[in-house]
Amino acid sequence: MQFDIQQLIGNTLRRGVTLACVLAALGGLYYLIAHGGDPVPDYRHFDPATAAVQTHFTTLTGIVRGVAAFDAYSCIQLGVVALILTPILRVVFSLLDFTLERDWLYAAITAIVLTVIVSNSIGGF
């Protein structure tokens, strides 16, 4: 039995997007259940004193803590994170595939792409 990396990449993309959609949809449904009856904010006039600043879901730790606390914003944000991580996993699996095939040119190009993605994700450039 031969391991098919292309099948793994395809399944990763399908399952990653499906997982992201389910997480975001469940978070959105939970948000509507919890906050559907809230008054609609008046966006014509901005008042910083009364603005709801949601900064806890800007870090991965904050998102995980929010999901553990059943925060609807964090559940939606976790779906977004899963959607972002899906193509990154595809690049990782492609790098593995090119390395196993000993295709050093494409492995080097893929490694550069992965380095750029990770450094920009961590550094925020």
C-alpha atoms as a PDB file:
ATOM      1  CA  MET A   1       0.000   0.000   0.000  1.00  0.00           C
ATOM      2  CA  GLN A   2       1.495   3.303  -1.101  1.00  0.00           C
ATOM      3  CA  PHE A   3       0.897   6.527   0.788  1.00  0.00           C
ATOM      4  CA  ASP A   4      -0.798   9.092  -1.449  1.00  0.00           C
ATOM      5  CA  ILE A   5       0.182  12.588  -0.341  1.00  0.00           C
ATOM      6  CA  GLN A   6      -1.993  14.208  -3.003  1.00  0.00           C
ATOM      7  CA  GLN A   7      -5.043  12.483  -1.509  1.00  0.00           C
ATOM      8  CA  LEU A   8      -3.966  13.710   1.939  1.00  0.00           C
ATOM      9  CA  ILE A   9      -3.656  17.288   0.642  1.00  0.00           C
ATOM     10  CA  GLY A  10      -7.093  17.143  -0.995  1.00  0.00           C
ATOM     11  CA  ASN A  11      -8.712  15.701   2.122  1.00  0.00           C
ATOM     12  CA  THR A  12      -6.993  18.307   4.292  1.00  0.00           C
ATOM     13  CA  LEU A  13      -8.394  21.122   2.165  1.00  0.00           C
ATOM     14  CA  ARG A  14     -11.907  19.672   2.120  1.00  0.00           C
ATOM     15  CA  ARG A  15     -11.991  18.864   5.824  1.00  0.00           C
ATOM     16  CA  GLY A  16     -10.332  22.137   6.826  1.00  0.00           C
ATOM     17  CA  VAL A  17     -12.819  24.277   4.937  1.00  0.00           C
ATOM     18  CA  THR A  18     -15.718  22.168   6.205  1.00  0.00           C
ATOM     19  CA  LEU A  19     -14.490  22.448   9.793  1.00  0.00           C
ATOM     20  CA  ALA A  20     -14.017  26.210   9.435  1.00  0.00           C
ATOM     21  CA  CYS A  21     -17.532  26.635   8.046  1.00  0.00           C
ATOM     22  CA  VAL A  22     -19.083  24.500  10.787  1.00  0.00           C
ATOM     23  CA  LEU A  23     -17.216  26.364  13.547  1.00  0.00           C
ATOM     24  CA  ALA A  24     -18.118  29.778  12.156  1.00  0.00           C
ATOM     25  CA  ALA A  25     -21.743  28.758  11.553  1.00  0.00           C
ATOM     26  CA  LEU A  26     -22.131  27.339  15.069  1.00  0.00           C
ATOM     27  CA  GLY A  27     -20.542  30.476  16.515  1.00  0.00           C
ATOM     28  CA  GLY A  28     -22.839  32.655  14.424  1.00  0.00           C
ATOM     29  CA  LEU A  29     -25.899  30.669  15.458  1.00  0.00           C
ATOM     30  CA  TYR A  30     -24.853  30.889  19.095  1.00  0.00           C
ATOM     31  CA  TYR A  31     -24.309  34.640  18.683  1.00  0.00           C
ATOM     32  CA  LEU A  32     -27.801  35.074  17.239  1.00  0.00           C
ATOM     33  CA  ILE A  33     -29.333  33.032  20.052  1.00  0.00           C
ATOM     34  CA  ALA A  34     -27.455  34.966  22.738  1.00  0.00           C
ATOM     35  CA  HIS A  35     -27.573  38.456  21.205  1.00  0.00           C
ATOM     36  CA  GLY A  36     -30.307  38.383  18.571  1.00  0.00           C
ATOM     37  CA  GLY A  37     -32.615  40.528  20.663  1.00  0.00           C
ATOM     38  CA  ASP A  38     -30.017  43.162  21.527  1.00  0.00           C
ATOM     39  CA  PRO A  39     -30.727  46.693  20.321  1.00  0.00           C
ATOM     40  CA  VAL A  40     -29.097  47.603  17.035  1.00  0.00           C
ATOM     41  CA  PRO A  41     -26.208  50.022  17.555  1.00  0.00           C
ATOM     42  CA  ASP A  42     -26.391  53.415  15.925  1.00  0.00           C
ATOM     43  CA  TYR A  43     -23.453  53.413  13.511  1.00  0.00           C
ATOM     44  CA  ARG A  44     -24.120  56.955  12.292  1.00  0.00           C
ATOM     45  CA  HIS A  45     -22.516  58.434  15.419  1.00  0.00           C
ATOM     46  CA  PHE A  46     -19.382  56.910  16.919  1.00  0.00           C
ATOM     47  CA  ASP A  47     -18.859  57.261  20.671  1.00  0.00           C
ATOM     48  CA  PRO A  48     -15.585  55.669  21.846  1.00  0.00           C
ATOM     49  CA  ALA A  49     -16.810  55.609  25.447  1.00  0.00           C
ATOM     50  CA  THR A  50     -19.696  53.299  24.625  1.00  0.00           C
ATOM     51  CA  ALA A  51     -18.033  51.334  21.821  1.00  0.00           C
ATOM     52  CA  ALA A  52     -17.742  47.634  22.553  1.00  0.00           C
ATOM     53  CA  VAL A  53     -14.060  46.939  22.078  1.00  0.00           C
ATOM     54  CA  GLN A  54     -13.466  43.242  21.565  1.00  0.00           C
ATOM     55  CA  THR A  55      -9.733  42.614  21.817  1.00  0.00           C
ATOM     56  CA  HIS A  56      -9.700  39.220  23.512  1.00  0.00           C
ATOM     57  CA  PHE A  57      -9.995  37.352  20.233  1.00  0.00           C
ATOM     58  CA  THR A  58      -6.958  38.946  18.607  1.00  0.00           C
ATOM     59  CA  THR A  59      -4.604  36.277  19.996  1.00  0.00           C
ATOM     60  CA  LEU A  60      -4.819  32.515  19.716  1.00  0.00           C
ATOM     61  CA  THR A  61      -4.746  32.207  23.499  1.00  0.00           C
ATOM     62  CA  GLY A  62      -7.606  34.694  23.790  1.00  0.00           C
ATOM     63  CA  ILE A  63      -9.620  32.788  21.196  1.00  0.00           C
ATOM     64  CA  VAL A  64      -9.138  29.469  23.000  1.00  0.00           C
ATOM     65  CA  ARG A  65     -10.053  31.048  26.342  1.00  0.00           C
ATOM     66  CA  GLY A  66     -13.114  32.610  24.762  1.00  0.00           C
ATOM     67  CA  VAL A  67     -14.241  29.311  23.238  1.00  0.00           C
ATOM     68  CA  ALA A  68     -13.764  27.622  26.621  1.00  0.00           C
ATOM     69  CA  ALA A  69     -15.969  30.359  28.128  1.00  0.00           C
ATOM     70  CA  PHE A  70     -18.562  29.852  25.345  1.00  0.00           C
ATOM     71  CA  ASP A  71     -18.061  33.321  23.872  1.00  0.00           C
ATOM     72  CA  ALA A  72     -19.796  33.608  20.503  1.00  0.00           C
ATOM     73  CA  TYR A  73     -17.221  36.024  19.051  1.00  0.00           C
ATOM     74  CA  SER A  74     -14.428  33.590  19.879  1.00  0.00           C
ATOM     75  CA  CYS A  75     -16.282  30.659  18.320  1.00  0.00           C
ATOM     76  CA  ILE A  76     -16.636  32.586  15.064  1.00  0.00           C
ATOM     77  CA  GLN A  77     -12.995  33.667  15.226  1.00  0.00           C
ATOM     78  CA  LEU A  78     -11.894  30.041  15.740  1.00  0.00           C
ATOM     79  CA  GLY A  79     -13.610  29.220  12.449  1.00  0.00           C
ATOM     80  CA  VAL A  80     -11.653  32.020  10.780  1.00  0.00           C
ATOM     81  CA  VAL A  81      -8.393  30.697  12.253  1.00  0.00           C
ATOM     82  CA  ALA A  82      -9.206  27.198  10.970  1.00  0.00           C
ATOM     83  CA  LEU A  83      -9.858  28.672   7.528  1.00  0.00           C
ATOM     84  CA  ILE A  84      -6.502  30.477   7.594  1.00  0.00           C
ATOM     85  CA  LEU A  85      -4.614  27.368   8.745  1.00  0.00           C
ATOM     86  CA  THR A  86      -6.069  25.129   6.023  1.00  0.00           C
ATOM     87  CA  PRO A  87      -3.954  26.412   3.098  1.00  0.00           C
ATOM     88  CA  ILE A  88      -0.906  26.638   5.377  1.00  0.00           C
ATOM     89  CA  LEU A  89      -1.261  22.912   6.068  1.00  0.00           C
ATOM     90  CA  ARG A  90      -1.472  22.364   2.323  1.00  0.00           C
ATOM     91  CA  VAL A  91       1.886  24.106   1.880  1.00  0.00           C
ATOM     92  CA  VAL A  92       3.395  21.971   4.676  1.00  0.00           C
ATOM     93  CA  PHE A  93       2.132  18.758   3.057  1.00  0.00           C
ATOM     94  CA  SER A  94       3.363  19.927  -0.346  1.00  0.00           C
ATOM     95  CA  LEU A  95       6.807  20.525   1.126  1.00  0.00           C
ATOM     96  CA  LEU A  96       6.738  17.002   2.552  1.00  0.00           C
ATOM     97  CA  ASP A  97       5.656  15.616  -0.830  1.00  0.00           C
ATOM     98  CA  PHE A  98       8.377  17.432  -2.781  1.00  0.00           C
ATOM     99  CA  THR A  99      10.981  16.342  -0.251  1.00  0.00           C
ATOM    100  CA  LEU A 100       9.903  12.697  -0.431  1.00  0.00           C
ATOM    101  CA  GLU A 101       9.997  12.860  -4.239  1.00  0.00           C
ATOM    102  CA  ARG A 102      13.458  14.489  -4.019  1.00  0.00           C
ATOM    103  CA  ASP A 103      12.276  17.381  -6.162  1.00  0.00           C
ATOM    104  CA  TRP A 104      14.663  19.860  -4.574  1.00  0.00           C
ATOM    105  CA  LEU A 105      13.754  22.877  -6.680  1.00  0.00           C
ATOM    106  CA  TYR A 106      10.071  22.754  -5.778  1.00  0.00           C
ATOM    107  CA  ALA A 107      10.919  21.799  -2.196  1.00  0.00           C
ATOM    108  CA  ALA A 108      13.092  24.911  -1.910  1.00  0.00           C
ATOM    109  CA  ILE A 109      10.413  27.152  -3.442  1.00  0.00           C
ATOM    110  CA  THR A 110       7.772  25.665  -1.136  1.00  0.00           C
ATOM    111  CA  ALA A 111      10.064  26.111   1.884  1.00  0.00           C
ATOM    112  CA  ILE A 112      10.522  29.781   0.969  1.00  0.00           C
ATOM    113  CA  VAL A 113       6.758  30.232   0.633  1.00  0.00           C
ATOM    114  CA  LEU A 114       6.183  28.532   3.987  1.00  0.00           C
ATOM    115  CA  THR A 115       8.859  30.687   5.627  1.00  0.00           C
ATOM    116  CA  VAL A 116       7.237  33.853   4.290  1.00  0.00           C
ATOM    117  CA  ILE A 117       3.787  32.764   5.460  1.00  0.00           C
ATOM    118  CA  VAL A 118       4.955  31.798   8.949  1.00  0.00           C
ATOM    119  CA  SER A 119       7.172  34.849   9.433  1.00  0.00           C
ATOM    120  CA  ASN A 120       4.389  37.197   8.338  1.00  0.00           C
ATOM    121  CA  SER A 121       1.889  35.409  10.543  1.00  0.00           C
ATOM    122  CA  ILE A 122       4.119  35.583  13.596  1.00  0.00           C
ATOM    123  CA  GLY A 123       5.704  38.965  12.943  1.00  0.00           C
ATOM    124  CA  GLY A 124       2.619  40.638  11.541  1.00  0.00           C
ATOM    125  CA  PHE A 125       4.481  42.353   8.711  1.00  0.00           C
END
